[in-house]
Amino acid sequence: MKNPYTCCIFDLDGTIINTIHALTHTTNLVLAHFGLGPLTEEQMKLMVGDGYRKQIERSLSACKEGAMAYYEEAAALYPRLFQENCLYHLEAYPGMAELLERMKAAGMRLAVLTNKPHERGIETVEAVYGAGYFSFILGEQEGMPKKPDPTGVFRVLKALDQDPARCLYMGDTNTDMQTALNAGLDAAGAAWGFRSREELAAYHPKYLADHPLEIAKMLGI
């Protein structure tokens, strides 16, 4: 099989980097400020992926009744604490670095599109893979709707001058699968991430794998 793609856009959290320790740690610091929590990492895997404000909303909802009264203050506190803790116990998923190297060797351009705030997204990616490893990194910022809106995908494609028909989108949540569908890109489900294989399969991605190197084999690279 000849690899049909010249580009791959990756989700960040739960796809190229296991960030659940940092996300859980920071969220629990916020909750503790109000005498709430803590939440487990398994709980947090169901709360992340749609931006930090939604993450805080879901986290407060998982606490005692009435906790949502703290929402605005908690949502304002989270970015400051996350700036201090976003690199907490980060780790690349096993096999991901090799998949990325194989993609590069096959001539593919690599990009990251995340609902994490833009500056934290760059900081997180560069802490694990180094500066300049990806051709483009785009995170949440003013004036750009969050995934699953396809606007970010289109910005990446334009920046890299890529044909959407030859670009793959890879992510680990229903939000990511919806993003690919909304942008008209082939999707690859990362079942090694934060959500279940069943959640991803419901969107019928072109590829679905439990390990990054399975994707390499599917692409023939």
Protein backbone atom coordinates (compact mmCIF):
# COMPACT_ATOMS: atom_id res chain seq x y z
CA MET A 1 0.00 0.00 0.00
CA LYS A 2 1.25 3.47 -0.91
CA ASN A 3 0.75 6.08 1.80
CA PRO A 4 -1.88 8.49 0.39
CA TYR A 5 -1.13 11.36 2.81
CA THR A 6 1.23 14.33 2.64
CA CYS A 7 0.19 15.73 6.01
CA CYS A 8 -1.15 14.67 9.40
CA ILE A 9 -2.84 16.96 11.92
CA PHE A 10 -2.70 15.59 15.47
CA ASP A 11 -4.73 16.32 18.53
CA LEU A 12 -2.42 16.88 21.51
CA ASP A 13 -3.81 15.59 24.84
CA GLY A 14 -4.31 11.84 24.76
CA THR A 15 -2.95 11.50 21.23
CA ILE A 16 0.72 12.48 20.98
CA ILE A 17 1.33 13.15 24.69
CA ASN A 18 -0.15 11.67 27.84
CA THR A 19 -1.01 14.86 29.71
CA ILE A 20 -3.58 13.39 32.09
CA HIS A 21 -1.28 13.81 35.12
CA ALA A 22 -0.93 17.56 34.49
CA LEU A 23 -4.62 18.04 33.71
CA THR A 24 -5.74 16.14 36.80
CA HIS A 25 -3.17 17.76 39.09
CA THR A 26 -4.12 21.29 38.01
CA THR A 27 -7.85 20.64 38.16
CA ASN A 28 -7.53 19.23 41.66
CA LEU A 29 -5.57 22.32 42.76
CA VAL A 30 -8.49 24.43 41.54
CA LEU A 31 -11.06 22.23 43.26
CA ALA A 32 -9.07 22.18 46.51
CA HIS A 33 -9.23 25.99 46.55
CA PHE A 34 -12.97 25.60 47.11
CA GLY A 35 -12.72 22.61 49.43
CA LEU A 36 -13.73 20.20 46.66
CA GLY A 37 -12.30 17.07 45.06
CA PRO A 38 -10.04 15.41 44.40
CA LEU A 39 -11.01 13.72 41.14
CA THR A 40 -9.21 10.68 39.75
CA GLU A 41 -7.31 10.53 36.48
CA GLU A 42 -9.91 8.12 35.11
CA GLN A 43 -12.63 10.67 35.86
CA MET A 44 -10.61 13.42 34.21
CA LYS A 45 -10.25 11.48 30.97
CA LEU A 46 -13.98 12.02 30.44
CA MET A 47 -13.84 15.73 31.25
CA VAL A 48 -11.05 17.01 29.01
CA GLY A 49 -10.86 17.65 25.29
CA ASP A 50 -13.28 20.54 24.80
CA GLY A 51 -11.29 23.39 26.29
CA TYR A 52 -10.51 24.26 29.90
CA ARG A 53 -13.79 26.04 30.63
CA LYS A 54 -15.80 22.94 29.74
CA GLN A 55 -13.29 20.88 31.73
CA ILE A 56 -13.90 23.03 34.82
CA GLU A 57 -17.66 22.86 34.31
CA ARG A 58 -17.62 19.08 34.13
CA SER A 59 -15.25 18.81 37.09
CA LEU A 60 -17.41 20.97 39.33
CA SER A 61 -20.50 19.04 38.24
CA ALA A 62 -18.78 15.84 39.41
CA CYS A 63 -18.36 17.30 42.89
CA LYS A 64 -21.02 18.01 45.48
CA GLU A 65 -24.32 19.62 44.65
CA GLY A 66 -24.04 23.38 44.38
CA ALA A 67 -20.38 23.33 43.34
CA MET A 68 -21.24 25.05 40.05
CA ALA A 69 -21.64 28.25 42.07
CA TYR A 70 -17.82 28.46 41.95
CA TYR A 71 -17.65 28.17 38.16
CA GLU A 72 -16.60 31.70 37.17
CA GLU A 73 -13.97 31.96 39.90
CA ALA A 74 -12.67 28.47 39.16
CA ALA A 75 -12.50 29.16 35.41
CA ALA A 76 -10.49 32.30 36.11
CA LEU A 77 -8.12 30.46 38.48
CA TYR A 78 -7.38 27.49 36.21
CA PRO A 79 -5.25 29.27 33.53
CA ARG A 80 -2.88 30.70 36.15
CA LEU A 81 -2.41 27.35 37.89
CA PHE A 82 -2.11 25.53 34.57
CA GLN A 83 0.65 27.88 33.44
CA GLU A 84 2.59 26.73 36.52
CA ASN A 85 1.75 23.02 36.18
CA CYS A 86 1.17 22.22 32.50
CA LEU A 87 4.44 20.25 32.24
CA TYR A 88 3.68 18.06 35.28
CA HIS A 89 4.72 14.45 34.55
CA LEU A 90 4.28 14.63 30.76
CA GLU A 91 5.17 11.56 28.72
CA ALA A 92 5.03 10.56 25.07
CA TYR A 93 2.91 7.53 24.35
CA PRO A 94 4.93 4.39 23.58
CA GLY A 95 5.56 4.15 19.85
CA MET A 96 4.46 7.71 19.09
CA ALA A 97 7.95 9.09 18.51
CA GLU A 98 8.65 6.26 16.06
CA LEU A 99 5.37 6.86 14.23
CA LEU A 100 6.22 10.54 13.87
CA GLU A 101 9.69 9.72 12.55
CA ARG A 102 8.24 7.28 10.03
CA MET A 103 5.76 9.91 8.87
CA LYS A 104 8.55 12.42 8.43
CA ALA A 105 10.63 9.89 6.54
CA ALA A 106 7.64 9.38 4.24
CA GLY A 107 7.67 13.12 3.49
CA MET A 108 4.63 14.04 5.56
CA ARG A 109 4.20 17.43 7.20
CA LEU A 110 3.16 17.21 10.86
CA ALA A 111 0.94 19.66 12.74
CA VAL A 112 -0.84 19.87 16.09
CA LEU A 113 -4.32 21.30 16.63
CA THR A 114 -5.47 21.45 20.24
CA ASN A 115 -8.22 22.98 22.37
CA LYS A 116 -5.51 23.69 24.97
CA PRO A 117 -4.68 27.43 25.18
CA HIS A 118 -2.23 28.26 22.38
CA GLU A 119 0.80 29.16 24.52
CA ARG A 120 0.38 26.10 26.74
CA GLY A 121 -0.02 23.92 23.66
CA ILE A 122 3.31 25.05 22.25
CA GLU A 123 5.01 24.72 25.63
CA THR A 124 3.64 21.18 26.12
CA VAL A 125 4.61 19.92 22.68
CA GLU A 126 8.09 21.44 22.80
CA ALA A 127 8.74 20.03 26.29
CA VAL A 128 8.39 16.50 24.90
CA TYR A 129 9.42 16.74 21.24
CA GLY A 130 11.58 19.87 21.13
CA ALA A 131 11.16 23.18 19.34
CA GLY A 132 10.49 23.03 15.62
CA TYR A 133 9.68 19.32 15.49
CA PHE A 134 6.17 19.96 14.19
CA SER A 135 5.64 22.21 11.18
CA PHE A 136 2.74 24.03 12.84
CA ILE A 137 1.09 24.13 16.28
CA LEU A 138 -2.26 25.81 16.81
CA GLY A 139 -4.14 26.06 20.10
CA GLU A 140 -7.16 27.81 21.54
CA GLN A 141 -7.07 31.57 21.01
CA GLU A 142 -9.38 34.52 20.75
CA GLY A 143 -11.35 34.67 17.53
CA MET A 144 -11.00 30.98 16.69
CA PRO A 145 -13.79 28.56 17.65
CA LYS A 146 -12.73 25.38 19.40
CA LYS A 147 -12.90 21.92 17.89
CA PRO A 148 -15.08 20.26 16.64
CA ASP A 149 -15.49 23.45 14.61
CA PRO A 150 -13.24 22.91 11.56
CA THR A 151 -11.85 26.47 11.46
CA GLY A 152 -8.58 25.42 13.11
CA VAL A 153 -8.12 22.58 10.63
CA PHE A 154 -8.55 24.97 7.73
CA ARG A 155 -6.01 27.37 9.25
CA VAL A 156 -3.46 24.56 9.53
CA LEU A 157 -4.09 23.40 5.96
CA LYS A 158 -3.65 26.94 4.65
CA ALA A 159 -0.49 27.55 6.68
CA LEU A 160 1.08 24.36 5.34
CA ASP A 161 -0.41 24.70 1.84
CA GLN A 162 -1.93 21.22 2.04
CA ASP A 163 -4.71 19.52 0.10
CA PRO A 164 -7.42 18.34 2.56
CA ALA A 165 -7.90 15.21 0.46
CA ARG A 166 -4.32 14.23 1.33
CA CYS A 167 -4.36 15.17 5.01
CA LEU A 168 -5.09 12.79 7.87
CA TYR A 169 -6.52 13.93 11.21
CA MET A 170 -5.66 11.90 14.31
CA GLY A 171 -7.27 12.18 17.74
CA ASP A 172 -8.52 10.26 20.75
CA THR A 173 -12.01 11.68 21.52
CA ASN A 174 -15.43 12.09 19.98
CA THR A 175 -14.57 15.79 19.59
CA ASP A 176 -11.66 14.83 17.36
CA MET A 177 -13.70 12.46 15.25
CA GLN A 178 -16.33 15.18 14.78
CA THR A 179 -13.59 17.65 13.86
CA ALA A 180 -12.34 15.41 11.08
CA LEU A 181 -15.86 14.87 9.78
CA ASN A 182 -16.63 18.59 9.87
CA ALA A 183 -13.43 19.39 7.97
CA GLY A 184 -13.86 16.59 5.44
CA LEU A 185 -10.61 14.86 6.43
CA ASP A 186 -9.93 11.16 6.86
CA ALA A 187 -9.78 10.33 10.56
CA ALA A 188 -7.52 8.07 12.58
CA GLY A 189 -8.78 7.12 16.04
CA ALA A 190 -6.13 6.93 18.77
CA ALA A 191 -7.58 4.30 21.10
CA TRP A 192 -4.45 4.47 23.27
CA GLY A 193 -5.64 7.86 24.58
CA PHE A 194 -8.25 9.14 26.99
CA ARG A 195 -11.43 7.65 25.55
CA SER A 196 -12.67 4.20 24.63
CA ARG A 197 -12.28 2.41 21.33
CA GLU A 198 -16.09 2.21 21.20
CA GLU A 199 -16.46 6.00 21.43
CA LEU A 200 -14.15 6.44 18.46
CA ALA A 201 -15.59 3.57 16.43
CA ALA A 202 -19.05 5.17 16.59
CA TYR A 203 -17.77 7.80 14.13
CA HIS A 204 -16.40 5.23 11.66
CA PRO A 205 -12.88 6.64 11.33
CA LYS A 206 -10.88 5.35 8.38
CA TYR A 207 -8.25 4.03 10.79
CA LEU A 208 -8.61 2.91 14.39
CA ALA A 209 -5.66 1.62 16.40
CA ASP A 210 -4.66 0.68 19.94
CA HIS A 211 -0.98 1.59 19.40
CA PRO A 212 0.71 4.27 17.27
CA LEU A 213 2.77 1.77 15.27
CA GLU A 214 -0.44 0.09 14.12
CA ILE A 215 -1.17 3.33 12.27
CA ALA A 216 2.27 3.16 10.63
CA LYS A 217 1.51 -0.35 9.43
CA MET A 218 -1.91 0.70 8.11
CA LEU A 219 -0.28 3.52 6.14
CA GLY A 220 2.52 1.31 4.87
CA ILE A 221 5.28 3.49 6.27
